[in-house]
Protein backbone atom coordinates (compact mmCIF):
# COMPACT_ATOMS: atom_id res chain seq x y z
CA MET A 1 -66.42 -8.22 -80.61
CA ALA A 2 -63.87 -8.24 -83.46
CA VAL A 3 -60.51 -9.77 -82.83
CA VAL A 4 -57.66 -8.01 -84.52
CA SER A 5 -55.17 -10.50 -85.83
CA GLY A 6 -51.55 -9.62 -86.63
CA PRO A 7 -48.26 -11.31 -87.22
CA ARG A 8 -47.30 -13.64 -84.44
CA PRO A 9 -44.13 -12.70 -82.61
CA ARG A 10 -41.25 -14.96 -83.49
CA ALA A 11 -40.06 -17.28 -80.80
CA ARG A 12 -36.67 -16.40 -79.52
CA VAL A 13 -34.08 -19.03 -80.23
CA ALA A 14 -31.30 -19.39 -77.73
CA PRO A 15 -27.91 -18.87 -79.32
CA ARG A 16 -25.88 -22.01 -79.73
CA PRO A 17 -23.04 -22.25 -77.29
CA GLN A 18 -19.77 -21.54 -78.97
CA PRO A 19 -16.93 -23.92 -78.30
CA PHE A 20 -14.29 -22.57 -75.97
CA ALA A 21 -11.50 -21.09 -78.02
CA GLU A 22 -8.10 -21.15 -76.40
CA PRO A 23 -6.03 -18.05 -76.98
CA ARG A 24 -3.62 -18.46 -79.81
CA GLU A 25 -0.02 -18.81 -78.84
CA SER A 26 2.53 -16.51 -80.33
CA LEU A 27 5.47 -17.86 -82.27
CA LEU A 28 7.76 -17.29 -79.29
CA GLU A 29 5.40 -19.26 -77.05
CA ARG A 30 5.18 -22.11 -79.55
CA VAL A 31 8.93 -22.52 -79.64
CA GLY A 32 9.06 -22.24 -75.86
CA VAL A 33 11.10 -19.04 -75.61
CA LEU A 34 8.63 -17.26 -73.33
CA ARG A 35 8.50 -20.29 -71.01
CA LEU A 36 12.21 -20.18 -70.23
CA ASP A 37 13.59 -19.20 -66.84
CA PHE A 38 14.80 -15.68 -67.64
CA SER A 39 16.61 -15.27 -64.33
CA LEU A 40 18.70 -18.32 -65.17
CA LEU A 41 19.21 -17.05 -68.72
CA GLY A 42 20.26 -13.63 -67.43
CA ALA A 43 22.91 -15.15 -65.16
CA VAL A 44 24.25 -17.22 -68.06
CA LEU A 45 24.44 -14.24 -70.43
CA GLY A 46 26.10 -12.13 -67.73
CA LEU A 47 28.82 -14.72 -67.14
CA LEU A 48 29.44 -15.20 -70.86
CA GLY A 49 29.62 -11.45 -71.46
CA LEU A 50 32.04 -10.97 -68.57
CA SER A 51 34.22 -13.78 -69.92
CA VAL A 52 34.49 -12.22 -73.38
CA VAL A 53 35.27 -8.76 -71.94
CA VAL A 54 37.97 -10.07 -69.58
CA LEU A 55 39.64 -12.19 -72.26
CA ASP A 56 39.63 -9.26 -74.68
CA GLN A 57 41.17 -6.85 -72.18
CA VAL A 58 43.67 -9.20 -70.57
CA VAL A 59 44.71 -11.79 -73.18
CA SER A 60 43.80 -11.03 -76.80
CA SER A 61 40.86 -10.10 -78.98
CA GLU A 62 41.39 -13.32 -80.97
CA LEU A 63 40.78 -15.47 -77.90
CA ALA A 64 37.77 -13.33 -76.97
CA ILE A 65 36.27 -13.84 -80.45
CA ARG A 66 36.75 -17.60 -80.18
CA GLN A 67 35.09 -17.58 -76.77
CA ALA A 68 32.16 -15.61 -78.23
CA ILE A 69 31.79 -18.17 -81.03
CA TYR A 70 31.76 -21.02 -78.49
CA ALA A 71 29.13 -19.11 -76.53
CA VAL A 72 26.89 -18.67 -79.59
CA VAL A 73 27.15 -22.38 -80.46
CA GLY A 74 26.47 -23.35 -76.86
CA LEU A 75 23.47 -21.04 -76.58
CA ALA A 76 21.99 -22.54 -79.75
CA LEU A 77 22.37 -26.03 -78.25
CA MET A 78 20.91 -24.78 -74.97
CA PHE A 79 17.75 -23.51 -76.71
CA ALA A 80 17.50 -26.77 -78.69
CA VAL A 81 17.78 -28.94 -75.57
CA ALA A 82 15.24 -26.75 -73.77
CA GLN A 83 12.61 -27.68 -76.39
CA VAL A 84 13.02 -31.43 -75.73
CA ASP A 85 11.20 -33.20 -72.93
CA TYR A 86 14.08 -34.27 -70.69
CA SER A 87 12.12 -37.40 -69.62
CA ARG A 88 12.95 -38.97 -72.98
CA PHE A 89 16.58 -39.27 -71.92
CA ARG A 90 15.53 -41.71 -69.20
CA GLU A 91 14.71 -44.33 -71.82
CA LEU A 92 18.10 -43.79 -73.48
CA ARG A 93 20.18 -44.29 -70.34
CA VAL A 94 22.05 -47.35 -71.64
CA GLY A 95 22.93 -45.65 -74.93
CA ILE A 96 23.95 -42.43 -73.15
CA TYR A 97 26.18 -44.29 -70.71
CA THR A 98 27.74 -46.37 -73.48
CA ALA A 99 28.42 -43.26 -75.59
CA MET A 100 30.09 -41.56 -72.63
CA ILE A 101 32.38 -44.55 -71.94
CA GLY A 102 33.15 -44.84 -75.67
CA MET A 103 34.21 -41.19 -75.93
CA ILE A 104 36.48 -41.42 -72.90
CA VAL A 105 38.09 -44.63 -74.14
CA LEU A 106 38.54 -43.09 -77.60
CA VAL A 107 40.48 -40.16 -76.21
CA LEU A 108 42.84 -42.60 -74.46
CA ILE A 109 43.52 -44.22 -77.83
CA VAL A 110 43.69 -41.35 -80.31
CA GLY A 111 43.78 -38.26 -78.08
CA GLU A 112 46.52 -35.66 -78.38
CA ALA A 113 48.95 -35.52 -75.45
CA THR A 114 49.38 -32.01 -74.04
CA ARG A 115 51.40 -31.26 -70.90
CA GLY A 116 51.48 -34.94 -70.03
CA ALA A 117 47.70 -35.40 -70.28
CA ARG A 118 45.80 -37.14 -73.05
CA SER A 119 42.40 -35.43 -72.71
CA TRP A 120 41.64 -33.85 -76.10
CA ILE A 121 40.73 -34.95 -79.61
CA GLU A 122 41.87 -32.67 -82.40
CA LEU A 123 39.06 -31.83 -84.83
CA PRO A 124 39.37 -29.61 -87.95
CA PHE A 125 38.11 -26.43 -86.26
CA PHE A 126 37.82 -27.45 -82.64
CA THR A 127 39.73 -29.22 -79.87
CA PHE A 128 37.18 -31.50 -78.22
CA GLN A 129 37.53 -32.65 -74.61
CA PRO A 130 35.13 -35.62 -74.11
CA SER A 131 35.39 -35.54 -70.32
CA GLU A 132 33.52 -32.19 -70.28
CA LEU A 133 30.52 -33.54 -72.22
CA GLY A 134 30.82 -36.72 -70.16
CA LYS A 135 29.80 -34.75 -67.06
CA VAL A 136 26.40 -34.05 -68.61
CA LEU A 137 25.98 -37.59 -69.96
CA LEU A 138 26.91 -39.09 -66.59
CA THR A 139 24.25 -36.97 -64.90
CA LEU A 140 21.55 -38.16 -67.30
CA ALA A 141 22.57 -41.83 -67.05
CA LEU A 142 22.99 -42.02 -63.26
CA ALA A 143 19.73 -40.15 -62.62
CA ALA A 144 17.89 -42.82 -64.61
CA MET A 145 19.79 -45.71 -63.02
CA VAL A 146 19.08 -44.62 -59.47
CA ILE A 147 15.34 -44.38 -60.21
CA ASP A 148 14.84 -47.59 -62.19
CA ARG A 149 15.10 -50.02 -59.32
CA VAL A 150 15.66 -53.71 -59.98
CA PRO A 151 13.10 -55.94 -58.17
CA ASN A 152 14.31 -58.05 -55.24
CA THR A 153 17.50 -56.01 -54.90
CA SER A 154 18.60 -54.60 -51.55
CA GLU A 155 19.25 -50.89 -51.12
CA TRP A 156 22.93 -51.55 -50.44
CA LYS A 157 23.26 -53.32 -53.78
CA ARG A 158 21.45 -50.51 -55.58
CA THR A 159 23.74 -47.93 -54.01
CA ALA A 160 26.78 -50.02 -54.90
CA ALA A 161 25.54 -50.35 -58.50
CA VAL A 162 25.26 -46.55 -58.88
CA LEU A 163 28.69 -46.08 -57.30
CA LEU A 164 30.19 -48.61 -59.69
CA ALA A 165 28.52 -46.90 -62.67
CA GLY A 166 30.09 -43.61 -61.58
CA ALA A 167 33.47 -45.15 -60.71
CA VAL A 168 34.10 -46.60 -64.19
CA PRO A 169 34.19 -43.26 -66.09
CA THR A 170 35.92 -41.63 -63.10
CA GLY A 171 38.74 -44.16 -63.32
CA LEU A 172 39.04 -43.78 -67.09
CA VAL A 173 39.26 -39.99 -66.81
CA PHE A 174 41.84 -40.35 -64.03
CA LEU A 175 44.00 -42.43 -66.39
CA GLN A 176 44.23 -39.60 -68.95
CA PRO A 177 45.25 -38.16 -66.38
CA ASP A 178 42.60 -35.49 -65.71
CA LEU A 179 42.44 -35.24 -61.93
CA GLY A 180 40.08 -32.27 -61.86
CA SER A 181 37.40 -33.85 -64.06
CA ALA A 182 37.70 -37.10 -62.08
CA PHE A 183 36.83 -35.17 -58.92
CA VAL A 184 33.83 -33.61 -60.70
CA TYR A 185 32.59 -37.08 -61.70
CA VAL A 186 32.79 -38.14 -58.06
CA ALA A 187 30.84 -35.03 -57.00
CA ILE A 188 28.12 -35.75 -59.59
CA THR A 189 27.78 -39.37 -58.44
CA LEU A 190 27.45 -38.41 -54.78
CA THR A 191 24.97 -35.63 -55.56
CA VAL A 192 22.77 -38.02 -57.55
CA LEU A 193 22.69 -40.43 -54.60
CA PHE A 194 21.93 -37.63 -52.15
CA VAL A 195 19.08 -36.08 -54.14
CA ALA A 196 17.61 -39.52 -54.86
CA GLY A 197 17.14 -40.04 -51.11
CA THR A 198 19.91 -42.53 -50.34
CA ARG A 199 20.01 -43.45 -46.66
CA TRP A 200 22.42 -41.52 -44.50
CA GLN A 201 24.10 -44.77 -43.39
CA HIS A 202 25.08 -45.39 -47.02
CA LEU A 203 26.39 -41.82 -47.44
CA ALA A 204 28.34 -42.07 -44.18
CA ALA A 205 29.94 -45.33 -45.32
CA ILE A 206 30.85 -43.72 -48.66
CA GLY A 207 32.37 -40.74 -46.83
CA ALA A 208 34.44 -43.00 -44.57
CA ALA A 209 35.65 -44.96 -47.59
CA GLY A 210 36.60 -41.70 -49.32
CA VAL A 211 38.68 -40.57 -46.34
CA ALA A 212 40.41 -43.95 -46.25
CA ILE A 213 41.22 -43.78 -49.97
CA ALA A 214 42.60 -40.24 -49.62
CA LEU A 215 44.76 -41.35 -46.69
CA ILE A 216 46.15 -44.28 -48.67
CA VAL A 217 46.79 -42.24 -51.83
CA LEU A 218 48.33 -39.16 -50.19
CA VAL A 219 50.11 -40.62 -47.13
CA LEU A 220 50.45 -44.39 -46.84
CA ALA A 221 51.29 -45.31 -50.44
CA PRO A 222 54.01 -42.61 -50.87
CA ALA A 223 55.49 -43.54 -47.45
CA ALA A 224 55.69 -47.18 -48.53
CA GLY A 225 57.51 -46.23 -51.74
CA HIS A 226 54.59 -47.04 -54.04
CA PRO A 227 53.04 -43.67 -54.98
CA ILE A 228 49.75 -43.81 -56.84
CA LEU A 229 49.79 -40.23 -58.04
CA LYS A 230 52.48 -38.63 -60.15
CA PRO A 231 54.81 -36.24 -58.27
CA TYR A 232 53.26 -33.09 -59.78
CA GLN A 233 49.76 -34.34 -58.89
CA GLN A 234 50.88 -35.02 -55.32
CA ASP A 235 52.33 -31.51 -55.09
CA ARG A 236 49.17 -29.91 -56.46
CA LEU A 237 46.97 -31.62 -53.88
CA THR A 238 49.17 -30.80 -50.89
CA ALA A 239 50.94 -27.53 -51.78
CA PHE A 240 48.00 -25.33 -50.72
CA LEU A 241 48.48 -26.50 -47.11
CA SER A 242 51.80 -24.60 -46.97
CA PRO A 243 51.82 -22.02 -49.80
CA SER A 244 55.11 -20.45 -48.68
CA ALA A 245 57.05 -23.73 -48.53
CA ASP A 246 58.33 -23.68 -52.13
CA PRO A 247 57.37 -20.36 -53.76
CA ALA A 248 59.59 -20.95 -56.80
CA ASP A 249 58.11 -24.31 -57.78
CA SER A 250 55.07 -26.19 -56.44
CA THR A 251 53.43 -23.20 -54.75
CA TYR A 252 54.32 -20.60 -57.40
CA GLN A 253 50.85 -20.55 -58.94
CA ILE A 254 49.09 -20.19 -55.60
CA ARG A 255 51.38 -17.36 -54.48
CA GLN A 256 50.99 -15.40 -57.72
CA SER A 257 47.23 -15.86 -57.65
CA GLN A 258 46.99 -14.62 -54.07
CA ILE A 259 49.12 -11.60 -54.94
CA ALA A 260 46.84 -10.79 -57.88
CA VAL A 261 43.65 -11.06 -55.82
CA GLY A 262 45.08 -8.99 -52.98
CA ALA A 263 46.46 -6.31 -55.31
CA GLY A 264 43.00 -5.63 -56.75
CA GLY A 265 41.78 -3.84 -53.64
CA LYS A 266 38.23 -2.51 -53.73
CA THR A 267 37.82 -1.43 -57.35
CA GLY A 268 40.77 -3.07 -59.10
CA ARG A 269 43.90 -1.88 -60.87
CA GLY A 270 42.51 -1.77 -64.42
CA ASP A 271 45.22 -1.54 -67.04
CA ASN A 272 47.84 -1.39 -64.26
CA ALA A 273 47.18 -5.03 -63.30
CA THR A 274 50.80 -6.13 -63.55
CA GLN A 275 50.30 -9.74 -62.43
CA THR A 276 48.04 -10.53 -65.36
CA ARG A 277 49.30 -8.12 -68.04
CA GLN A 278 52.99 -8.95 -67.53
CA GLY A 279 52.46 -12.69 -67.34
CA PHE A 280 53.37 -13.37 -63.71
CA LEU A 281 50.05 -15.13 -63.16
CA PRO A 282 50.00 -18.48 -65.04
CA GLU A 283 46.87 -19.67 -66.86
CA ARG A 284 45.29 -16.25 -66.35
CA HIS A 285 42.70 -17.01 -69.06
CA ASN A 286 41.70 -20.42 -67.73
CA ASP A 287 42.29 -21.93 -64.27
CA PHE A 288 43.18 -18.58 -62.66
CA ILE A 289 40.74 -16.28 -64.41
CA PHE A 290 39.08 -15.46 -61.06
CA ALA A 291 42.38 -13.96 -59.89
CA THR A 292 42.48 -12.04 -63.17
CA VAL A 293 39.05 -10.58 -62.44
CA GLY A 294 40.07 -9.85 -58.85
CA GLU A 295 43.17 -7.89 -59.83
CA ARG A 296 41.64 -5.97 -62.71
CA TYR A 297 38.22 -5.17 -61.18
CA GLY A 298 38.89 -5.62 -57.47
CA PHE A 299 36.43 -6.68 -54.81
CA VAL A 300 33.54 -5.14 -56.75
CA GLY A 301 34.24 -7.22 -59.86
CA ALA A 302 34.81 -10.44 -57.91
CA ALA A 303 31.62 -9.89 -55.89
CA PHE A 304 29.64 -9.27 -59.08
CA LEU A 305 31.02 -12.49 -60.59
CA LEU A 306 30.14 -14.52 -57.51
CA SER A 307 26.67 -12.93 -57.42
CA LEU A 308 26.00 -14.22 -60.93
CA TYR A 309 27.02 -17.70 -59.81
CA ALA A 310 24.80 -17.43 -56.75
CA LEU A 311 21.86 -16.56 -59.00
CA LEU A 312 22.71 -19.41 -61.36
CA ILE A 313 22.91 -22.05 -58.62
CA TRP A 314 19.84 -20.71 -56.81
CA ARG A 315 17.76 -21.02 -59.98
CA ALA A 316 19.05 -24.55 -60.51
CA LEU A 317 17.97 -25.50 -56.98
CA ARG A 318 14.64 -23.76 -57.50
CA ILE A 319 14.06 -25.69 -60.72
CA MET A 320 14.83 -28.88 -58.81
CA THR A 321 11.86 -28.18 -56.52
CA LEU A 322 9.59 -27.35 -59.47
CA SER A 323 10.33 -30.51 -61.47
CA LYS A 324 7.32 -32.56 -62.52
CA ASN A 325 9.04 -35.84 -61.56
CA LEU A 326 11.92 -37.27 -59.57
CA TYR A 327 14.08 -37.77 -62.66
CA GLY A 328 14.10 -34.05 -63.39
CA ALA A 329 14.74 -33.21 -59.74
CA ILE A 330 17.81 -35.46 -59.66
CA ILE A 331 19.16 -33.99 -62.91
CA ALA A 332 18.68 -30.41 -61.67
CA GLY A 333 20.22 -31.23 -58.29
CA ALA A 334 23.23 -32.93 -59.90
CA ILE A 335 23.80 -29.98 -62.26
CA ALA A 336 23.55 -27.56 -59.33
CA GLY A 337 26.05 -29.71 -57.39
CA MET A 338 28.39 -29.85 -60.38
CA LEU A 339 28.33 -26.07 -60.85
CA LEU A 340 28.78 -25.43 -57.13
CA PHE A 341 31.74 -27.83 -57.00
CA HIS A 342 33.35 -26.14 -60.01
CA VAL A 343 32.97 -22.67 -58.53
CA PHE A 344 34.05 -23.62 -55.00
CA VAL A 345 37.18 -25.50 -56.10
CA ASN A 346 38.22 -22.98 -58.76
CA VAL A 347 37.76 -19.93 -56.55
CA GLY A 348 39.27 -21.83 -53.63
CA MET A 349 42.47 -22.63 -55.50
CA ASN A 350 42.68 -18.99 -56.67
CA ILE A 351 42.68 -17.73 -53.08
CA GLY A 352 44.72 -20.61 -51.65
CA ILE A 353 42.16 -22.64 -49.70
CA ALA A 354 41.79 -25.54 -52.17
CA PRO A 355 44.26 -27.67 -54.13
CA ILE A 356 45.10 -26.88 -57.75
CA THR A 357 43.22 -29.47 -59.79
CA GLY A 358 42.72 -27.77 -63.16
CA ILE A 359 38.97 -27.29 -62.78
CA PRO A 360 37.73 -24.38 -64.96
CA LEU A 361 35.38 -21.62 -63.85
CA PRO A 362 32.07 -22.41 -65.63
CA LEU A 363 31.19 -20.14 -68.58
CA VAL A 364 34.08 -17.79 -67.76
CA SER A 365 37.30 -19.76 -68.25
CA ALA A 366 38.46 -19.93 -71.87
CA GLY A 367 37.70 -23.25 -73.56
CA GLY A 368 35.10 -24.44 -76.04
CA SER A 369 34.38 -27.89 -74.58
CA SER A 370 33.71 -26.52 -71.10
CA VAL A 371 31.50 -23.65 -72.31
CA ILE A 372 29.43 -25.79 -74.69
CA ALA A 373 29.00 -28.67 -72.21
CA THR A 374 27.94 -26.26 -69.46
CA LEU A 375 25.39 -24.60 -71.73
CA ILE A 376 23.96 -28.01 -72.65
CA ALA A 377 23.55 -28.65 -68.91
CA ILE A 378 21.79 -25.27 -68.61
CA GLY A 379 19.55 -26.37 -71.49
CA LEU A 380 18.52 -29.39 -69.41
CA LEU A 381 17.63 -27.06 -66.54
CA GLN A 382 15.55 -24.96 -68.92
CA SER A 383 13.84 -28.12 -70.23
CA ILE A 384 12.91 -29.14 -66.69
CA TYR A 385 11.53 -25.65 -66.06
CA VAL A 386 9.56 -25.58 -69.32
CA GLN A 387 8.05 -29.01 -68.69
CA SER A 388 7.05 -27.99 -65.16
CA GLN A 389 5.25 -24.95 -66.60
CA LEU A 390 3.44 -27.09 -69.16
CA ALA A 391 2.46 -29.66 -66.51
CA SER A 392 1.06 -26.99 -64.18
CA ARG A 393 -0.80 -25.38 -67.09
CA SER A 394 -2.45 -28.69 -68.07
CA ARG A 395 -3.68 -29.19 -64.49
CA VAL A 396 -5.51 -25.84 -64.48
């Protein structure tokens, strides 16, 4: 029987496995733009936009343009800081702390005196207030100090060391004198200790010491004929307790601010806002800009402004919980505490429930140092958020 022979079928060769190719990142992803917290960014842009609009309508277009320029510079720095791994600042804690102390001491030596305070350094195109940037630097330095524990050191000594590190710049800022910024430094120090998990006994002792110091400064020392604060500082801290006591002098600002807020009604008075347009309300572009918003845009405008701050602080607290390490959580918590303290005190003194301390409303009050420093702090929040996204992505 003949066997028919033909070409043998070729053996099938299994295809070589191709290496896994990760999807290419777009340019925006590579520079980290798409990893940013857009809710936080939206709140920031909303506050900056509202600030420029209010300053243009109430004060002058020139001041509004300057505020817009400060905002652009600050946003550029915010995006730059967001691209840096914030953990690197932990290794630079000594240099950061030294730079902060050096800037504050420098302003005491060469700073320009304005309204009895020596808080600014005149630069060619900019008036720089080191105490504003010092808030951010203090946050970075204290967050690292409270984590890097020294062996064989008790918790009381560690708490005292952090308090001392916060007290030194606080005292220097108080000497300028800048009472409002000094209070902010205290708030940052206490927030760092709280977020770091300091025992409640330590916090209670600090609170008792704070009450004792306030009692000595405001009551006992003036009664003994040795006042620690200057007369105008004493009046600012106590005038809000009785706003009708001296309406022509110490309580004038509070009374005019309350009138402006109350006159705004539900939807505001617009161009008929006499308190702000005719100059009855002092510092309407800075310390009392919330009253300006309240009179011009009413309850609706004030509620919208506070809603933006609520979103801003909520995102800061949310980022604190997302942080990849304790250092980032402390930084985010301290920044959230700083912003909350600024808003509470500023709005409180505008409506008469807090003393007048000269604390600006973040991102809204006119002033380059405050706007730029706050945006750098927001950049740190964005850095913490970006790094948390990268850490979670690498674990997948």
